[in-house]
Amino acid sequence: MDDEGVFRVQFSPLSGAREQDDFYRRLKELGGMVVYGVYPAPLVIGIAADATARLAELPYVETVESVTDDYAVGG
């Protein structure tokens, strides 16, 4: 795994309770944690950089952007 980084996750406007539960479950499975924020507002998370692509693939995730580096992961 890559070094852990800090990322901002933005969700699609129609995200609901089901998506929230799924996101938190997947974040935990990938070894990540919420640093700041409350779903569905943008969250700041700590997670291994190589795991962000798996989060970005979720249909209700609009963007995953690095807070510490200058790049975005496709969403």
PDB file of N, CA and C in Angstrom:
ATOM      1  N   MET A   1       0.832  -1.190   0.000  1.00  0.00           N
ATOM      2  CA  MET A   1       0.000   0.000   0.000  1.00  0.00           C
ATOM      3  C   MET A   1       0.870   1.245   0.000  1.00  0.00           C
ATOM      4  N   ASP A   2       0.365   2.274  -0.623  1.00  0.00           N
ATOM      5  CA  ASP A   2       1.049   3.562  -0.611  1.00  0.00           C
ATOM      6  C   ASP A   2       0.947   4.184   0.769  1.00  0.00           C
ATOM      7  N   ASP A   3       1.708   5.249   0.954  1.00  0.00           N
ATOM      8  CA  ASP A   3       1.613   6.004   2.201  1.00  0.00           C
ATOM      9  C   ASP A   3       0.208   6.549   2.366  1.00  0.00           C
ATOM     10  N   GLU A   4      -0.173   6.706   3.614  1.00  0.00           N
ATOM     11  CA  GLU A   4      -1.492   7.273   3.898  1.00  0.00           C
ATOM     12  C   GLU A   4      -1.486   8.755   3.579  1.00  0.00           C
ATOM     13  N   GLY A   5      -2.599   9.226   3.055  1.00  0.00           N
ATOM     14  CA  GLY A   5      -2.750  10.633   2.725  1.00  0.00           C
ATOM     15  C   GLY A   5      -4.059  11.165   3.269  1.00  0.00           C
ATOM     16  N   VAL A   6      -4.276  12.438   3.030  1.00  0.00           N
ATOM     17  CA  VAL A   6      -5.507  13.096   3.451  1.00  0.00           C
ATOM     18  C   VAL A   6      -6.240  13.523   2.192  1.00  0.00           C
ATOM     19  N   PHE A   7      -7.519  13.158   2.094  1.00  0.00           N
ATOM     20  CA  PHE A   7      -8.306  13.381   0.889  1.00  0.00           C
ATOM     21  C   PHE A   7      -9.657  13.983   1.237  1.00  0.00           C
ATOM     22  N   ARG A   8     -10.200  14.763   0.311  1.00  0.00           N
ATOM     23  CA  ARG A   8     -11.541  15.332   0.444  1.00  0.00           C
ATOM     24  C   ARG A   8     -12.454  14.551  -0.498  1.00  0.00           C
ATOM     25  N   VAL A   9     -13.561  14.053   0.043  1.00  0.00           N
ATOM     26  CA  VAL A   9     -14.528  13.282  -0.738  1.00  0.00           C
ATOM     27  C   VAL A   9     -15.798  14.104  -0.870  1.00  0.00           C
ATOM     28  N   GLN A  10     -16.249  14.274  -2.118  1.00  0.00           N
ATOM     29  CA  GLN A  10     -17.499  14.992  -2.398  1.00  0.00           C
ATOM     30  C   GLN A  10     -18.499  13.980  -2.951  1.00  0.00           C
ATOM     31  N   PHE A  11     -19.745  14.062  -2.476  1.00  0.00           N
ATOM     32  CA  PHE A  11     -20.775  13.101  -2.853  1.00  0.00           C
ATOM     33  C   PHE A  11     -21.779  13.712  -3.821  1.00  0.00           C
ATOM     34  N   SER A  12     -22.449  12.841  -4.588  1.00  0.00           N
ATOM     35  CA  SER A  12     -23.492  13.319  -5.491  1.00  0.00           C
ATOM     36  C   SER A  12     -24.672  13.826  -4.664  1.00  0.00           C
ATOM     37  N   PRO A  13     -25.453  14.755  -5.226  1.00  0.00           N
ATOM     38  CA  PRO A  13     -26.548  15.382  -4.476  1.00  0.00           C
ATOM     39  C   PRO A  13     -27.628  14.408  -4.002  1.00  0.00           C
ATOM     40  N   LEU A  14     -27.793  13.284  -4.667  1.00  0.00           N
ATOM     41  CA  LEU A  14     -28.881  12.370  -4.326  1.00  0.00           C
ATOM     42  C   LEU A  14     -28.460  11.256  -3.372  1.00  0.00           C
ATOM     43  N   SER A  15     -27.308  11.371  -2.763  1.00  0.00           N
ATOM     44  CA  SER A  15     -26.849  10.352  -1.818  1.00  0.00           C
ATOM     45  C   SER A  15     -27.747  10.336  -0.591  1.00  0.00           C
ATOM     46  N   GLY A  16     -28.060   9.131  -0.126  1.00  0.00           N
ATOM     47  CA  GLY A  16     -28.942   9.001   1.033  1.00  0.00           C
ATOM     48  C   GLY A  16     -28.354   8.103   2.098  1.00  0.00           C
ATOM     49  N   ALA A  17     -29.231   7.610   2.973  1.00  0.00           N
ATOM     50  CA  ALA A  17     -28.805   6.799   4.116  1.00  0.00           C
ATOM     51  C   ALA A  17     -28.134   5.498   3.680  1.00  0.00           C
ATOM     52  N   ARG A  18     -28.649   4.866   2.644  1.00  0.00           N
ATOM     53  CA  ARG A  18     -28.066   3.609   2.167  1.00  0.00           C
ATOM     54  C   ARG A  18     -26.632   3.832   1.690  1.00  0.00           C
ATOM     55  N   GLU A  19     -26.425   4.913   0.939  1.00  0.00           N
ATOM     56  CA  GLU A  19     -25.093   5.237   0.444  1.00  0.00           C
ATOM     57  C   GLU A  19     -24.152   5.600   1.597  1.00  0.00           C
ATOM     58  N   GLN A  20     -24.694   6.294   2.582  1.00  0.00           N
ATOM     59  CA  GLN A  20     -23.891   6.663   3.748  1.00  0.00           C
ATOM     60  C   GLN A  20     -23.369   5.411   4.456  1.00  0.00           C
ATOM     61  N   ASP A  21     -24.259   4.469   4.736  1.00  0.00           N
ATOM     62  CA  ASP A  21     -23.852   3.228   5.399  1.00  0.00           C
ATOM     63  C   ASP A  21     -22.817   2.479   4.571  1.00  0.00           C
ATOM     64  N   ASP A  22     -23.045   2.405   3.258  1.00  0.00           N
ATOM     65  CA  ASP A  22     -22.121   1.710   2.369  1.00  0.00           C
ATOM     66  C   ASP A  22     -20.757   2.396   2.355  1.00  0.00           C
ATOM     67  N   PHE A  23     -20.739   3.720   2.289  1.00  0.00           N
ATOM     68  CA  PHE A  23     -19.474   4.445   2.245  1.00  0.00           C
ATOM     69  C   PHE A  23     -18.663   4.207   3.514  1.00  0.00           C
ATOM     70  N   TYR A  24     -19.289   4.348   4.676  1.00  0.00           N
ATOM     71  CA  TYR A  24     -18.562   4.152   5.935  1.00  0.00           C
ATOM     72  C   TYR A  24     -18.042   2.719   6.060  1.00  0.00           C
ATOM     73  N   ARG A  25     -18.830   1.742   5.604  1.00  0.00           N
ATOM     74  CA  ARG A  25     -18.397   0.341   5.651  1.00  0.00           C
ATOM     75  C   ARG A  25     -17.182   0.134   4.763  1.00  0.00           C
ATOM     76  N   ARG A  26     -17.250   0.657   3.536  1.00  0.00           N
ATOM     77  CA  ARG A  26     -16.130   0.487   2.603  1.00  0.00           C
ATOM     78  C   ARG A  26     -14.888   1.239   3.065  1.00  0.00           C
ATOM     79  N   LEU A  27     -15.080   2.424   3.610  1.00  0.00           N
ATOM     80  CA  LEU A  27     -13.949   3.193   4.125  1.00  0.00           C
ATOM     81  C   LEU A  27     -13.227   2.392   5.214  1.00  0.00           C
ATOM     82  N   LYS A  28     -13.983   1.800   6.114  1.00  0.00           N
ATOM     83  CA  LYS A  28     -13.400   0.997   7.190  1.00  0.00           C
ATOM     84  C   LYS A  28     -12.691  -0.229   6.624  1.00  0.00           C
ATOM     85  N   GLU A  29     -13.305  -0.905   5.642  1.00  0.00           N
ATOM     86  CA  GLU A  29     -12.691  -2.079   5.021  1.00  0.00           C
ATOM     87  C   GLU A  29     -11.348  -1.739   4.382  1.00  0.00           C
ATOM     88  N   LEU A  30     -11.233  -0.527   3.850  1.00  0.00           N
ATOM     89  CA  LEU A  30     -10.005  -0.095   3.185  1.00  0.00           C
ATOM     90  C   LEU A  30      -8.985   0.485   4.163  1.00  0.00           C
ATOM     91  N   GLY A  31      -9.319   0.483   5.440  1.00  0.00           N
ATOM     92  CA  GLY A  31      -8.387   0.966   6.453  1.00  0.00           C
ATOM     93  C   GLY A  31      -8.378   2.472   6.616  1.00  0.00           C
ATOM     94  N   GLY A  32      -9.426   3.138   6.130  1.00  0.00           N
ATOM     95  CA  GLY A  32      -9.499   4.591   6.220  1.00  0.00           C
ATOM     96  C   GLY A  32     -10.315   5.057   7.409  1.00  0.00           C
ATOM     97  N   MET A  33     -10.291   6.361   7.622  1.00  0.00           N
ATOM     98  CA  MET A  33     -11.079   6.949   8.700  1.00  0.00           C
ATOM     99  C   MET A  33     -11.467   8.370   8.334  1.00  0.00           C
ATOM    100  N   VAL A  34     -12.573   8.824   8.907  1.00  0.00           N
ATOM    101  CA  VAL A  34     -13.010  10.204   8.711  1.00  0.00           C
ATOM    102  C   VAL A  34     -12.198  11.085   9.650  1.00  0.00           C
ATOM    103  N   VAL A  35     -11.593  12.120   9.080  1.00  0.00           N
ATOM    104  CA  VAL A  35     -10.828  13.083   9.864  1.00  0.00           C
ATOM    105  C   VAL A  35     -11.717  14.253  10.255  1.00  0.00           C
ATOM    106  N   TYR A  36     -12.574  14.674   9.311  1.00  0.00           N
ATOM    107  CA  TYR A  36     -13.419  15.842   9.551  1.00  0.00           C
ATOM    108  C   TYR A  36     -14.627  15.774   8.635  1.00  0.00           C
ATOM    109  N   GLY A  37     -15.780  16.183   9.139  1.00  0.00           N
ATOM    110  CA  GLY A  37     -16.980  16.298   8.326  1.00  0.00           C
ATOM    111  C   GLY A  37     -18.029  15.274   8.687  1.00  0.00           C
ATOM    112  N   VAL A  38     -19.228  15.518   8.163  1.00  0.00           N
ATOM    113  CA  VAL A  38     -20.370  14.643   8.380  1.00  0.00           C
ATOM    114  C   VAL A  38     -21.050  14.423   7.037  1.00  0.00           C
ATOM    115  N   TYR A  39     -21.237  13.147   6.676  1.00  0.00           N
ATOM    116  CA  TYR A  39     -21.925  12.779   5.444  1.00  0.00           C
ATOM    117  C   TYR A  39     -23.326  13.395   5.447  1.00  0.00           C
ATOM    118  N   PRO A  40     -23.858  13.919   4.356  1.00  0.00           N
ATOM    119  CA  PRO A  40     -23.393  13.912   2.976  1.00  0.00           C
ATOM    120  C   PRO A  40     -22.553  15.127   2.577  1.00  0.00           C
ATOM    121  N   ALA A  41     -22.218  15.982   3.530  1.00  0.00           N
ATOM    122  CA  ALA A  41     -21.312  17.090   3.205  1.00  0.00           C
ATOM    123  C   ALA A  41     -19.946  16.498   2.859  1.00  0.00           C
ATOM    124  N   PRO A  42     -19.117  17.250   2.171  1.00  0.00           N
ATOM    125  CA  PRO A  42     -17.776  16.729   1.867  1.00  0.00           C
ATOM    126  C   PRO A  42     -17.058  16.288   3.145  1.00  0.00           C
ATOM    127  N   LEU A  43     -16.359  15.159   3.039  1.00  0.00           N
ATOM    128  CA  LEU A  43     -15.608  14.614   4.165  1.00  0.00           C
ATOM    129  C   LEU A  43     -14.121  14.725   3.891  1.00  0.00           C
ATOM    130  N   VAL A  44     -13.353  14.918   4.930  1.00  0.00           N
ATOM    131  CA  VAL A  44     -11.904  14.802   4.853  1.00  0.00           C
ATOM    132  C   VAL A  44     -11.573  13.464   5.498  1.00  0.00           C
ATOM    133  N   ILE A  45     -10.852  12.615   4.753  1.00  0.00           N
ATOM    134  CA  ILE A  45     -10.551  11.269   5.225  1.00  0.00           C
ATOM    135  C   ILE A  45      -9.049  11.022   5.205  1.00  0.00           C
ATOM    136  N   GLY A  46      -8.621  10.112   6.043  1.00  0.00           N
ATOM    137  CA  GLY A  46      -7.262   9.605   6.007  1.00  0.00           C
ATOM    138  C   GLY A  46      -7.316   8.190   5.479  1.00  0.00           C
ATOM    139  N   ILE A  47      -6.531   7.900   4.427  1.00  0.00           N
ATOM    140  CA  ILE A  47      -6.570   6.580   3.799  1.00  0.00           C
ATOM    141  C   ILE A  47      -5.330   6.417   2.933  1.00  0.00           C
ATOM    142  N   ALA A  48      -4.944   5.184   2.678  1.00  0.00           N
ATOM    143  CA  ALA A  48      -3.824   4.924   1.778  1.00  0.00           C
ATOM    144  C   ALA A  48      -4.172   5.452   0.389  1.00  0.00           C
ATOM    145  N   ALA A  49      -3.227   6.117  -0.223  1.00  0.00           N
ATOM    146  CA  ALA A  49      -3.471   6.743  -1.527  1.00  0.00           C
ATOM    147  C   ALA A  49      -3.943   5.738  -2.572  1.00  0.00           C
ATOM    148  N   ASP A  50      -3.416   4.513  -2.553  1.00  0.00           N
ATOM    149  CA  ASP A  50      -3.828   3.538  -3.562  1.00  0.00           C
ATOM    150  C   ASP A  50      -5.246   3.020  -3.341  1.00  0.00           C
ATOM    151  N   ALA A  51      -5.832   3.251  -2.185  1.00  0.00           N
ATOM    152  CA  ALA A  51      -7.205   2.820  -1.909  1.00  0.00           C
ATOM    153  C   ALA A  51      -8.240   3.842  -2.369  1.00  0.00           C
ATOM    154  N   THR A  52      -7.811   5.053  -2.686  1.00  0.00           N
ATOM    155  CA  THR A  52      -8.770   6.093  -3.067  1.00  0.00           C
ATOM    156  C   THR A  52      -9.483   5.772  -4.372  1.00  0.00           C
ATOM    157  N   ALA A  53      -8.831   5.065  -5.274  1.00  0.00           N
ATOM    158  CA  ALA A  53      -9.476   4.708  -6.544  1.00  0.00           C
ATOM    159  C   ALA A  53     -10.705   3.841  -6.297  1.00  0.00           C
ATOM    160  N   ARG A  54     -10.655   2.965  -5.306  1.00  0.00           N
ATOM    161  CA  ARG A  54     -11.810   2.114  -4.991  1.00  0.00           C
ATOM    162  C   ARG A  54     -12.975   2.946  -4.483  1.00  0.00           C
ATOM    163  N   LEU A  55     -12.681   3.992  -3.713  1.00  0.00           N
ATOM    164  CA  LEU A  55     -13.751   4.882  -3.252  1.00  0.00           C
ATOM    165  C   LEU A  55     -14.298   5.711  -4.401  1.00  0.00           C
ATOM    166  N   ALA A  56     -13.419   6.175  -5.272  1.00  0.00           N
ATOM    167  CA  ALA A  56     -13.835   7.018  -6.394  1.00  0.00           C
ATOM    168  C   ALA A  56     -14.733   6.269  -7.369  1.00  0.00           C
ATOM    169  N   GLU A  57     -14.659   4.948  -7.395  1.00  0.00           N
ATOM    170  CA  GLU A  57     -15.493   4.134  -8.287  1.00  0.00           C
ATOM    171  C   GLU A  57     -16.939   4.024  -7.811  1.00  0.00           C
ATOM    172  N   LEU A  58     -17.199   4.361  -6.563  1.00  0.00           N
ATOM    173  CA  LEU A  58     -18.558   4.250  -6.039  1.00  0.00           C
ATOM    174  C   LEU A  58     -19.471   5.229  -6.778  1.00  0.00           C
ATOM    175  N   PRO A  59     -20.674   4.793  -7.180  1.00  0.00           N
ATOM    176  CA  PRO A  59     -21.534   5.630  -8.016  1.00  0.00           C
ATOM    177  C   PRO A  59     -21.995   6.927  -7.365  1.00  0.00           C
ATOM    178  N   TYR A  60     -22.001   6.999  -6.069  1.00  0.00           N
ATOM    179  CA  TYR A  60     -22.469   8.198  -5.371  1.00  0.00           C
ATOM    180  C   TYR A  60     -21.326   9.132  -4.958  1.00  0.00           C
ATOM    181  N   VAL A  61     -20.091   8.784  -5.312  1.00  0.00           N
ATOM    182  CA  VAL A  61     -18.936   9.643  -5.029  1.00  0.00           C
ATOM    183  C   VAL A  61     -18.634  10.463  -6.275  1.00  0.00           C
ATOM    184  N   GLU A  62     -18.648  11.784  -6.139  1.00  0.00           N
ATOM    185  CA  GLU A  62     -18.333  12.656  -7.275  1.00  0.00           C
ATOM    186  C   GLU A  62     -16.837  12.825  -7.451  1.00  0.00           C
ATOM    187  N   THR A  63     -16.127  13.165  -6.384  1.00  0.00           N
ATOM    188  CA  THR A  63     -14.681  13.370  -6.483  1.00  0.00           C
ATOM    189  C   THR A  63     -13.979  12.925  -5.210  1.00  0.00           C
ATOM    190  N   VAL A  64     -12.730  12.546  -5.386  1.00  0.00           N
ATOM    191  CA  VAL A  64     -11.812  12.293  -4.282  1.00  0.00           C
ATOM    192  C   VAL A  64     -10.556  13.075  -4.619  1.00  0.00           C
ATOM    193  N   GLU A  65     -10.279  14.109  -3.840  1.00  0.00           N
ATOM    194  CA  GLU A  65      -9.141  14.986  -4.116  1.00  0.00           C
ATOM    195  C   GLU A  65      -8.157  14.956  -2.961  1.00  0.00           C
ATOM    196  N   SER A  66      -6.884  14.929  -3.299  1.00  0.00           N
ATOM    197  CA  SER A  66      -5.857  14.987  -2.274  1.00  0.00           C
ATOM    198  C   SER A  66      -5.823  16.374  -1.654  1.00  0.00           C
ATOM    199  N   VAL A  67      -5.744  16.426  -0.353  1.00  0.00           N
ATOM    200  CA  VAL A  67      -5.617  17.693   0.360  1.00  0.00           C
ATOM    201  C   VAL A  67      -4.139  18.042   0.516  1.00  0.00           C
ATOM    202  N   THR A  68      -3.291  17.022   0.540  1.00  0.00           N
ATOM    203  CA  THR A  68      -1.866  17.227   0.762  1.00  0.00           C
ATOM    204  C   THR A  68      -1.063  17.314  -0.525  1.00  0.00           C
ATOM    205  N   ASP A  69      -1.553  16.732  -1.614  1.00  0.00           N
ATOM    206  CA  ASP A  69      -0.903  16.803  -2.919  1.00  0.00           C
ATOM    207  C   ASP A  69      -1.867  17.456  -3.885  1.00  0.00           C
ATOM    208  N   ASP A  70      -1.408  17.744  -5.076  1.00  0.00           N
ATOM    209  CA  ASP A  70      -2.245  18.449  -6.048  1.00  0.00           C
ATOM    210  C   ASP A  70      -2.741  17.493  -7.131  1.00  0.00           C
ATOM    211  N   TYR A  71      -3.628  16.556  -6.758  1.00  0.00           N
ATOM    212  CA  TYR A  71      -4.219  15.688  -7.765  1.00  0.00           C
ATOM    213  C   TYR A  71      -5.580  15.191  -7.307  1.00  0.00           C
ATOM    214  N   ALA A  72      -6.372  14.781  -8.278  1.00  0.00           N
ATOM    215  CA  ALA A  72      -7.698  14.229  -8.006  1.00  0.00           C
ATOM    216  C   ALA A  72      -7.746  12.804  -8.522  1.00  0.00           C
ATOM    217  N   VAL A  73      -8.556  11.992  -7.889  1.00  0.00           N
ATOM    218  CA  VAL A  73      -8.786  10.623  -8.302  1.00  0.00           C
ATOM    219  C   VAL A  73     -10.102  10.608  -9.044  1.00  0.00           C
ATOM    220  N   GLY A  74     -10.170   9.930 -10.183  1.00  0.00           N
ATOM    221  CA  GLY A  74     -11.393   9.902 -10.973  1.00  0.00           C
ATOM    222  C   GLY A  74     -12.581   9.413 -10.185  1.00  0.00           C
ATOM    223  N   GLY A  75     -13.763   9.926 -10.542  1.00  0.00           N
ATOM    224  CA  GLY A  75     -14.970   9.522  -9.828  1.00  0.00           C
ATOM    225  C   GLY A  75     -16.123   9.405 -10.747  1.00  0.00           C
TER     226      GLY A  75
END
